[in-house]
Amino acid sequence: MLCVDMVKKLKHFDLELCFSCAPGQITAVVGPSGAGKTTMIRLLAGLEQPDLGTIVFNGQPWADTGSRLFVPARKRGLSLVFQDYTLFPHLDIRKNVAFAATDMERVDTLMDMFGIRHLAASRPAAISGGERQRAAFCQALARDPVLLLLDEPFSALDVATRRNLRAHLKELKDELGIPILHVTHDLEEAAFLGDEIMAVENGKIAPDWLRRQSAPIHKLTREALACASL
């Protein structure tokens, strides 16, 4: 269980968030650009420190400003996937996926699952953007992370690739059994993937933000909207 109660002072507002995410659950994080979503991901990943409050995972504090405790990113055992394919350009795809893997057999299993095993000997520059993002997902999952953080990982992909990858993620959710936070601007995607939807606006959790959207999102069910108010 990830439990967050933190404050980070930003240029135009304070990021003030209090929420939790359970194992086997995807929390979809939505909201306007500049709302603080990426900063939230960086704080959870240990790339930045909160100014006040705590980040606790499975009862163990990762950050606690009261006791001046801060666990760096490399010791948190989590994985982070950005939209810009965090791969090593000098390594082939298999070596990228295998980097920091806990089980080498799982490397091939994941590459089969994401349809990129035939690209094992290729370098990232020689394959498509969608294939690179598949490799980035494989790399993240091969580490057997305790927490998966996704910062708009599908936003630069074509529609067909995006739908395919998010279907893979939804299928893997129960198998992984870890908390997953997925930042997206796509409300339909949030409704498809999210067990809960958390809207963030001006650094605060904003349940009404979804209701203020003028365009009807037919797949955003009443159940998904209810999650946003939790």
C-alpha atoms as a PDB file:
ATOM      1  CA  MET A   1       0.000   0.000   0.000  1.00  0.00           C
ATOM      2  CA  LEU A   2       1.261   3.427  -0.987  1.00  0.00           C
ATOM      3  CA  CYS A   3       0.180   6.201   1.379  1.00  0.00           C
ATOM      4  CA  VAL A   4       0.941   9.825   0.553  1.00  0.00           C
ATOM      5  CA  ASP A   5       0.429  12.999   2.596  1.00  0.00           C
ATOM      6  CA  MET A   6       2.826  15.659   1.353  1.00  0.00           C
ATOM      7  CA  VAL A   7       3.361  19.274   0.382  1.00  0.00           C
ATOM      8  CA  LYS A   8       5.794  20.640  -2.214  1.00  0.00           C
ATOM      9  CA  LYS A   9       6.136  24.367  -2.825  1.00  0.00           C
ATOM     10  CA  LEU A  10       6.042  25.156  -6.537  1.00  0.00           C
ATOM     11  CA  LYS A  11       6.357  28.468  -8.410  1.00  0.00           C
ATOM     12  CA  HIS A  12       2.657  29.261  -8.770  1.00  0.00           C
ATOM     13  CA  PHE A  13       1.047  27.097  -6.073  1.00  0.00           C
ATOM     14  CA  ASP A  14       1.716  24.481  -3.420  1.00  0.00           C
ATOM     15  CA  LEU A  15       1.316  20.828  -4.371  1.00  0.00           C
ATOM     16  CA  GLU A  16      -0.749  19.388  -1.508  1.00  0.00           C
ATOM     17  CA  LEU A  17      -1.769  15.743  -1.931  1.00  0.00           C
ATOM     18  CA  CYS A  18      -3.156  13.133   0.415  1.00  0.00           C
ATOM     19  CA  PHE A  19      -4.130   9.764  -1.088  1.00  0.00           C
ATOM     20  CA  SER A  20      -3.405   6.032  -1.110  1.00  0.00           C
ATOM     21  CA  CYS A  21      -3.061   3.333  -3.755  1.00  0.00           C
ATOM     22  CA  ALA A  22      -3.556  -0.355  -2.956  1.00  0.00           C
ATOM     23  CA  PRO A  23      -1.710  -3.362  -4.415  1.00  0.00           C
ATOM     24  CA  GLY A  24      -3.274  -4.605  -7.653  1.00  0.00           C
ATOM     25  CA  GLN A  25      -4.914  -1.235  -8.234  1.00  0.00           C
ATOM     26  CA  ILE A  26      -4.393   1.367 -10.943  1.00  0.00           C
ATOM     27  CA  THR A  27      -4.959   4.953  -9.895  1.00  0.00           C
ATOM     28  CA  ALA A  28      -5.385   7.076 -13.018  1.00  0.00           C
ATOM     29  CA  VAL A  29      -4.243  10.647 -12.427  1.00  0.00           C
ATOM     30  CA  VAL A  30      -5.809  13.291 -14.671  1.00  0.00           C
ATOM     31  CA  GLY A  31      -5.977  17.066 -14.785  1.00  0.00           C
ATOM     32  CA  PRO A  32      -4.903  20.085 -16.825  1.00  0.00           C
ATOM     33  CA  SER A  33      -1.316  20.698 -17.920  1.00  0.00           C
ATOM     34  CA  GLY A  34       0.771  22.324 -15.224  1.00  0.00           C
ATOM     35  CA  ALA A  35      -1.368  20.944 -12.406  1.00  0.00           C
ATOM     36  CA  GLY A  36       1.560  19.226 -10.651  1.00  0.00           C
ATOM     37  CA  LYS A  37       1.082  15.649 -11.890  1.00  0.00           C
ATOM     38  CA  THR A  38       4.642  15.106 -13.107  1.00  0.00           C
ATOM     39  CA  THR A  39       6.059  16.688  -9.957  1.00  0.00           C
ATOM     40  CA  MET A  40       3.956  14.221  -7.957  1.00  0.00           C
ATOM     41  CA  ILE A  41       5.486  11.326  -9.919  1.00  0.00           C
ATOM     42  CA  ARG A  42       8.999  12.677  -9.331  1.00  0.00           C
ATOM     43  CA  LEU A  43       8.328  12.965  -5.605  1.00  0.00           C
ATOM     44  CA  LEU A  44       7.036   9.401  -5.410  1.00  0.00           C
ATOM     45  CA  ALA A  45      10.013   8.160  -7.422  1.00  0.00           C
ATOM     46  CA  GLY A  46      12.486   9.831  -5.096  1.00  0.00           C
ATOM     47  CA  LEU A  47      13.757  12.266  -7.739  1.00  0.00           C
ATOM     48  CA  GLU A  48      12.598  15.204  -5.606  1.00  0.00           C
ATOM     49  CA  GLN A  49      11.923  15.648  -1.893  1.00  0.00           C
ATOM     50  CA  PRO A  50       8.690  16.957  -0.354  1.00  0.00           C
ATOM     51  CA  ASP A  51       8.889  20.112   1.738  1.00  0.00           C
ATOM     52  CA  LEU A  52       6.484  18.722   4.301  1.00  0.00           C
ATOM     53  CA  GLY A  53       4.804  15.398   5.022  1.00  0.00           C
ATOM     54  CA  THR A  54       5.322  11.702   4.376  1.00  0.00           C
ATOM     55  CA  ILE A  55       5.468   9.082   1.642  1.00  0.00           C
ATOM     56  CA  VAL A  56       5.008   5.585   3.091  1.00  0.00           C
ATOM     57  CA  PHE A  57       5.125   2.270   1.245  1.00  0.00           C
ATOM     58  CA  ASN A  58       3.951  -0.925   2.975  1.00  0.00           C
ATOM     59  CA  GLY A  59       4.495   0.699   6.347  1.00  0.00           C
ATOM     60  CA  GLN A  60       8.046   1.813   5.535  1.00  0.00           C
ATOM     61  CA  PRO A  61       8.640   5.562   5.195  1.00  0.00           C
ATOM     62  CA  TRP A  62      10.296   6.655   1.967  1.00  0.00           C
ATOM     63  CA  ALA A  63      10.122  10.299   2.970  1.00  0.00           C
ATOM     64  CA  ASP A  64       9.342  11.873   6.332  1.00  0.00           C
ATOM     65  CA  THR A  65      10.196  15.519   6.727  1.00  0.00           C
ATOM     66  CA  GLY A  66       9.506  15.383  10.476  1.00  0.00           C
ATOM     67  CA  SER A  67      12.362  12.942  11.037  1.00  0.00           C
ATOM     68  CA  ARG A  68      14.428  14.206   8.068  1.00  0.00           C
ATOM     69  CA  LEU A  69      14.250  10.782   6.434  1.00  0.00           C
ATOM     70  CA  PHE A  70      14.566  10.403   2.680  1.00  0.00           C
ATOM     71  CA  VAL A  71      15.074   7.143   0.768  1.00  0.00           C
ATOM     72  CA  PRO A  72      16.721   7.816  -2.623  1.00  0.00           C
ATOM     73  CA  ALA A  73      15.210   6.546  -5.857  1.00  0.00           C
ATOM     74  CA  ARG A  74      17.697   3.682  -6.306  1.00  0.00           C
ATOM     75  CA  LYS A  75      16.647   2.152  -2.975  1.00  0.00           C
ATOM     76  CA  ARG A  76      12.869   2.299  -3.459  1.00  0.00           C
ATOM     77  CA  GLY A  77      12.613  -0.694  -5.799  1.00  0.00           C
ATOM     78  CA  LEU A  78      10.097   1.001  -8.089  1.00  0.00           C
ATOM     79  CA  SER A  79       9.939   1.453 -11.849  1.00  0.00           C
ATOM     80  CA  LEU A  80       9.098   4.590 -13.782  1.00  0.00           C
ATOM     81  CA  VAL A  81       8.012   4.835 -17.429  1.00  0.00           C
ATOM     82  CA  PHE A  82       7.996   8.236 -19.139  1.00  0.00           C
ATOM     83  CA  GLN A  83       6.594   9.152 -22.557  1.00  0.00           C
ATOM     84  CA  ASP A  84      10.076   9.489 -24.075  1.00  0.00           C
ATOM     85  CA  TYR A  85      11.407   5.915 -24.009  1.00  0.00           C
ATOM     86  CA  THR A  86      14.036   5.674 -21.269  1.00  0.00           C
ATOM     87  CA  LEU A  87      16.335   3.219 -23.078  1.00  0.00           C
ATOM     88  CA  PHE A  88      20.120   3.057 -23.353  1.00  0.00           C
ATOM     89  CA  PRO A  89      20.994   3.909 -26.976  1.00  0.00           C
ATOM     90  CA  HIS A  90      24.250   1.894 -26.951  1.00  0.00           C
ATOM     91  CA  LEU A  91      22.558  -1.355 -25.852  1.00  0.00           C
ATOM     92  CA  ASP A  92      20.407  -3.658 -27.959  1.00  0.00           C
ATOM     93  CA  ILE A  93      16.785  -4.175 -26.959  1.00  0.00           C
ATOM     94  CA  ARG A  94      17.335  -7.402 -25.046  1.00  0.00           C
ATOM     95  CA  LYS A  95      20.168  -5.891 -23.021  1.00  0.00           C
ATOM     96  CA  ASN A  96      17.986  -2.854 -22.335  1.00  0.00           C
ATOM     97  CA  VAL A  97      15.163  -5.043 -21.050  1.00  0.00           C
ATOM     98  CA  ALA A  98      17.585  -7.197 -19.057  1.00  0.00           C
ATOM     99  CA  PHE A  99      19.179  -4.183 -17.369  1.00  0.00           C
ATOM    100  CA  ALA A 100      18.587  -4.652 -13.609  1.00  0.00           C
ATOM    101  CA  ALA A 101      16.253  -7.621 -14.285  1.00  0.00           C
ATOM    102  CA  THR A 102      15.715  -9.923 -11.311  1.00  0.00           C
ATOM    103  CA  ASP A 103      14.953 -13.022 -13.415  1.00  0.00           C
ATOM    104  CA  MET A 104      16.502 -13.486 -16.849  1.00  0.00           C
ATOM    105  CA  GLU A 105      13.780 -15.936 -17.914  1.00  0.00           C
ATOM    106  CA  ARG A 106      11.212 -13.196 -17.373  1.00  0.00           C
ATOM    107  CA  VAL A 107      13.060 -11.000 -19.876  1.00  0.00           C
ATOM    108  CA  ASP A 108      12.130 -13.299 -22.768  1.00  0.00           C
ATOM    109  CA  THR A 109       8.611 -13.820 -21.405  1.00  0.00           C
ATOM    110  CA  LEU A 110       7.980 -10.066 -21.323  1.00  0.00           C
ATOM    111  CA  MET A 111       9.465  -9.516 -24.778  1.00  0.00           C
ATOM    112  CA  ASP A 112       7.161 -12.234 -26.143  1.00  0.00           C
ATOM    113  CA  MET A 113       4.178 -10.715 -24.348  1.00  0.00           C
ATOM    114  CA  PHE A 114       4.853  -7.255 -25.788  1.00  0.00           C
ATOM    115  CA  GLY A 115       5.687  -8.604 -29.243  1.00  0.00           C
ATOM    116  CA  ILE A 116       9.291  -7.380 -29.477  1.00  0.00           C
ATOM    117  CA  ARG A 117      11.385 -10.527 -29.102  1.00  0.00           C
ATOM    118  CA  HIS A 118      12.249 -10.407 -32.809  1.00  0.00           C
ATOM    119  CA  LEU A 119      13.885  -7.028 -32.116  1.00  0.00           C
ATOM    120  CA  ALA A 120      16.226  -8.395 -29.431  1.00  0.00           C
ATOM    121  CA  ALA A 121      19.426  -7.580 -31.347  1.00  0.00           C
ATOM    122  CA  SER A 122      18.265  -4.146 -32.576  1.00  0.00           C
ATOM    123  CA  ARG A 123      19.339  -0.810 -31.111  1.00  0.00           C
ATOM    124  CA  PRO A 124      16.656   1.647 -29.959  1.00  0.00           C
ATOM    125  CA  ALA A 125      17.394   4.052 -32.838  1.00  0.00           C
ATOM    126  CA  ALA A 126      16.608   1.339 -35.376  1.00  0.00           C
ATOM    127  CA  ILE A 127      13.046   0.614 -34.237  1.00  0.00           C
ATOM    128  CA  SER A 128       9.781   2.574 -34.120  1.00  0.00           C
ATOM    129  CA  GLY A 129       8.551   4.746 -31.277  1.00  0.00           C
ATOM    130  CA  GLY A 130       5.866   2.229 -30.369  1.00  0.00           C
ATOM    131  CA  GLU A 131       8.429  -0.575 -30.271  1.00  0.00           C
ATOM    132  CA  ARG A 132      10.731   1.504 -28.076  1.00  0.00           C
ATOM    133  CA  GLN A 133       7.897   2.151 -25.648  1.00  0.00           C
ATOM    134  CA  ARG A 134       7.109  -1.572 -25.542  1.00  0.00           C
ATOM    135  CA  ALA A 135      10.757  -2.165 -24.676  1.00  0.00           C
ATOM    136  CA  ALA A 136      10.582   0.515 -21.968  1.00  0.00           C
ATOM    137  CA  PHE A 137       7.593  -1.272 -20.398  1.00  0.00           C
ATOM    138  CA  CYS A 138       9.448  -4.589 -20.546  1.00  0.00           C
ATOM    139  CA  GLN A 139      12.499  -2.987 -18.944  1.00  0.00           C
ATOM    140  CA  ALA A 140      10.387  -1.527 -16.129  1.00  0.00           C
ATOM    141  CA  LEU A 141       8.542  -4.785 -15.426  1.00  0.00           C
ATOM    142  CA  ALA A 142      11.655  -7.003 -15.636  1.00  0.00           C
ATOM    143  CA  ARG A 143      12.927  -5.261 -12.515  1.00  0.00           C
ATOM    144  CA  ASP A 144      10.037  -6.814 -10.547  1.00  0.00           C
ATOM    145  CA  PRO A 145       9.120  -3.411  -9.093  1.00  0.00           C
ATOM    146  CA  VAL A 146       7.192  -2.866  -5.878  1.00  0.00           C
ATOM    147  CA  LEU A 147       5.481   0.181  -7.437  1.00  0.00           C
ATOM    148  CA  LEU A 148       4.934   1.210 -11.065  1.00  0.00           C
ATOM    149  CA  LEU A 149       4.790   4.906 -11.960  1.00  0.00           C
ATOM    150  CA  LEU A 150       3.632   5.864 -15.460  1.00  0.00           C
ATOM    151  CA  ASP A 151       3.928   9.465 -16.631  1.00  0.00           C
ATOM    152  CA  GLU A 152       1.898   9.720 -19.864  1.00  0.00           C
ATOM    153  CA  PRO A 153       3.633   6.671 -21.379  1.00  0.00           C
ATOM    154  CA  PHE A 154       1.203   6.412 -24.319  1.00  0.00           C
ATOM    155  CA  SER A 155       0.857  10.070 -25.313  1.00  0.00           C
ATOM    156  CA  ALA A 156       3.389  10.006 -28.173  1.00  0.00           C
ATOM    157  CA  LEU A 157       2.051   6.786 -29.724  1.00  0.00           C
ATOM    158  CA  ASP A 158      -0.414   6.189 -32.539  1.00  0.00           C
ATOM    159  CA  VAL A 159      -3.948   5.153 -31.607  1.00  0.00           C
ATOM    160  CA  ALA A 160      -3.567   1.450 -32.443  1.00  0.00           C
ATOM    161  CA  THR A 161      -0.313   1.074 -30.471  1.00  0.00           C
ATOM    162  CA  ARG A 162      -1.768   2.998 -27.532  1.00  0.00           C
ATOM    163  CA  ARG A 163      -4.822   0.741 -27.360  1.00  0.00           C
ATOM    164  CA  ASN A 164      -2.666  -2.369 -27.594  1.00  0.00           C
ATOM    165  CA  LEU A 165      -0.294  -1.308 -24.826  1.00  0.00           C
ATOM    166  CA  ARG A 166      -2.998  -0.186 -22.436  1.00  0.00           C
ATOM    167  CA  ALA A 167      -4.765  -3.523 -22.961  1.00  0.00           C
ATOM    168  CA  HIS A 168      -1.521  -5.283 -21.986  1.00  0.00           C
ATOM    169  CA  LEU A 169      -1.282  -3.106 -18.875  1.00  0.00           C
ATOM    170  CA  LYS A 170      -4.848  -3.880 -17.839  1.00  0.00           C
ATOM    171  CA  GLU A 171      -4.220  -7.622 -18.278  1.00  0.00           C
ATOM    172  CA  LEU A 172      -1.005  -7.467 -16.243  1.00  0.00           C
ATOM    173  CA  LYS A 173      -2.490  -5.521 -13.343  1.00  0.00           C
ATOM    174  CA  ASP A 174      -3.685  -8.511 -11.324  1.00  0.00           C
ATOM    175  CA  GLU A 175      -0.581 -10.559 -12.100  1.00  0.00           C
ATOM    176  CA  LEU A 176       1.719  -7.784 -10.901  1.00  0.00           C
ATOM    177  CA  GLY A 177      -0.219  -7.210  -7.694  1.00  0.00           C
ATOM    178  CA  ILE A 178       1.437  -3.843  -7.057  1.00  0.00           C
ATOM    179  CA  PRO A 179       0.145  -0.277  -6.834  1.00  0.00           C
ATOM    180  CA  ILE A 180       0.235   1.499 -10.204  1.00  0.00           C
ATOM    181  CA  LEU A 181      -0.124   5.256 -10.748  1.00  0.00           C
ATOM    182  CA  HIS A 182      -0.865   6.235 -14.323  1.00  0.00           C
ATOM    183  CA  VAL A 183      -0.779   9.904 -15.356  1.00  0.00           C
ATOM    184  CA  THR A 184      -2.753  10.632 -18.522  1.00  0.00           C
ATOM    185  CA  HIS A 185      -4.520  13.481 -20.313  1.00  0.00           C
ATOM    186  CA  ASP A 186      -6.874  10.992 -21.969  1.00  0.00           C
ATOM    187  CA  LEU A 187     -10.071  10.692 -19.911  1.00  0.00           C
ATOM    188  CA  GLU A 188     -11.239   7.685 -21.919  1.00  0.00           C
ATOM    189  CA  GLU A 189      -7.951   5.960 -21.150  1.00  0.00           C
ATOM    190  CA  ALA A 190      -8.310   6.862 -17.471  1.00  0.00           C
ATOM    191  CA  ALA A 191     -11.772   5.289 -17.402  1.00  0.00           C
ATOM    192  CA  PHE A 192     -10.527   2.145 -19.169  1.00  0.00           C
ATOM    193  CA  LEU A 193      -7.517   1.580 -16.921  1.00  0.00           C
ATOM    194  CA  GLY A 194      -8.310   3.211 -13.612  1.00  0.00           C
ATOM    195  CA  ASP A 195      -9.750   1.433 -10.612  1.00  0.00           C
ATOM    196  CA  GLU A 196      -9.830   4.939  -9.223  1.00  0.00           C
ATOM    197  CA  ILE A 197      -9.507   8.285 -10.991  1.00  0.00           C
ATOM    198  CA  MET A 198      -7.779  11.113  -9.155  1.00  0.00           C
ATOM    199  CA  ALA A 199      -8.084  14.560 -10.705  1.00  0.00           C
ATOM    200  CA  VAL A 200      -5.417  17.125  -9.807  1.00  0.00           C
ATOM    201  CA  GLU A 201      -5.784  20.860 -10.459  1.00  0.00           C
ATOM    202  CA  ASN A 202      -3.492  23.635  -9.212  1.00  0.00           C
ATOM    203  CA  GLY A 203      -1.700  21.148  -6.981  1.00  0.00           C
ATOM    204  CA  LYS A 204      -4.814  19.906  -5.199  1.00  0.00           C
ATOM    205  CA  ILE A 205      -7.037  16.856  -5.569  1.00  0.00           C
ATOM    206  CA  ALA A 206     -10.052  18.232  -7.437  1.00  0.00           C
ATOM    207  CA  PRO A 207     -13.019  15.838  -7.768  1.00  0.00           C
ATOM    208  CA  ASP A 208     -15.088  18.508  -9.546  1.00  0.00           C
ATOM    209  CA  TRP A 209     -12.550  18.918 -12.351  1.00  0.00           C
ATOM    210  CA  LEU A 210     -13.923  15.900 -14.231  1.00  0.00           C
ATOM    211  CA  ARG A 211     -17.480  17.174 -13.963  1.00  0.00           C
ATOM    212  CA  ARG A 212     -16.459  20.541 -15.393  1.00  0.00           C
ATOM    213  CA  GLN A 213     -15.215  19.040 -18.636  1.00  0.00           C
ATOM    214  CA  SER A 214     -17.529  20.168 -21.426  1.00  0.00           C
ATOM    215  CA  ALA A 215     -16.945  17.277 -23.888  1.00  0.00           C
ATOM    216  CA  PRO A 216     -19.011  14.173 -23.070  1.00  0.00           C
ATOM    217  CA  ILE A 217     -16.831  11.113 -22.465  1.00  0.00           C
ATOM    218  CA  HIS A 218     -19.182   8.184 -23.029  1.00  0.00           C
ATOM    219  CA  LYS A 219     -16.802   5.629 -21.563  1.00  0.00           C
ATOM    220  CA  LEU A 220     -16.322   7.564 -18.369  1.00  0.00           C
ATOM    221  CA  THR A 221     -18.861   5.607 -16.359  1.00  0.00           C
ATOM    222  CA  ARG A 222     -20.673   6.707 -13.250  1.00  0.00           C
ATOM    223  CA  GLU A 223     -18.506   4.269 -11.310  1.00  0.00           C
ATOM    224  CA  ALA A 224     -15.328   5.952 -12.595  1.00  0.00           C
ATOM    225  CA  LEU A 225     -16.658   9.381 -11.701  1.00  0.00           C
ATOM    226  CA  ALA A 226     -17.527   8.113  -8.224  1.00  0.00           C
ATOM    227  CA  CYS A 227     -13.907   6.997  -7.796  1.00  0.00           C
ATOM    228  CA  ALA A 228     -12.778  10.549  -8.432  1.00  0.00           C
ATOM    229  CA  SER A 229     -14.641  11.753  -5.342  1.00  0.00           C
ATOM    230  CA  LEU A 230     -13.054   9.213  -2.984  1.00  0.00           C
END
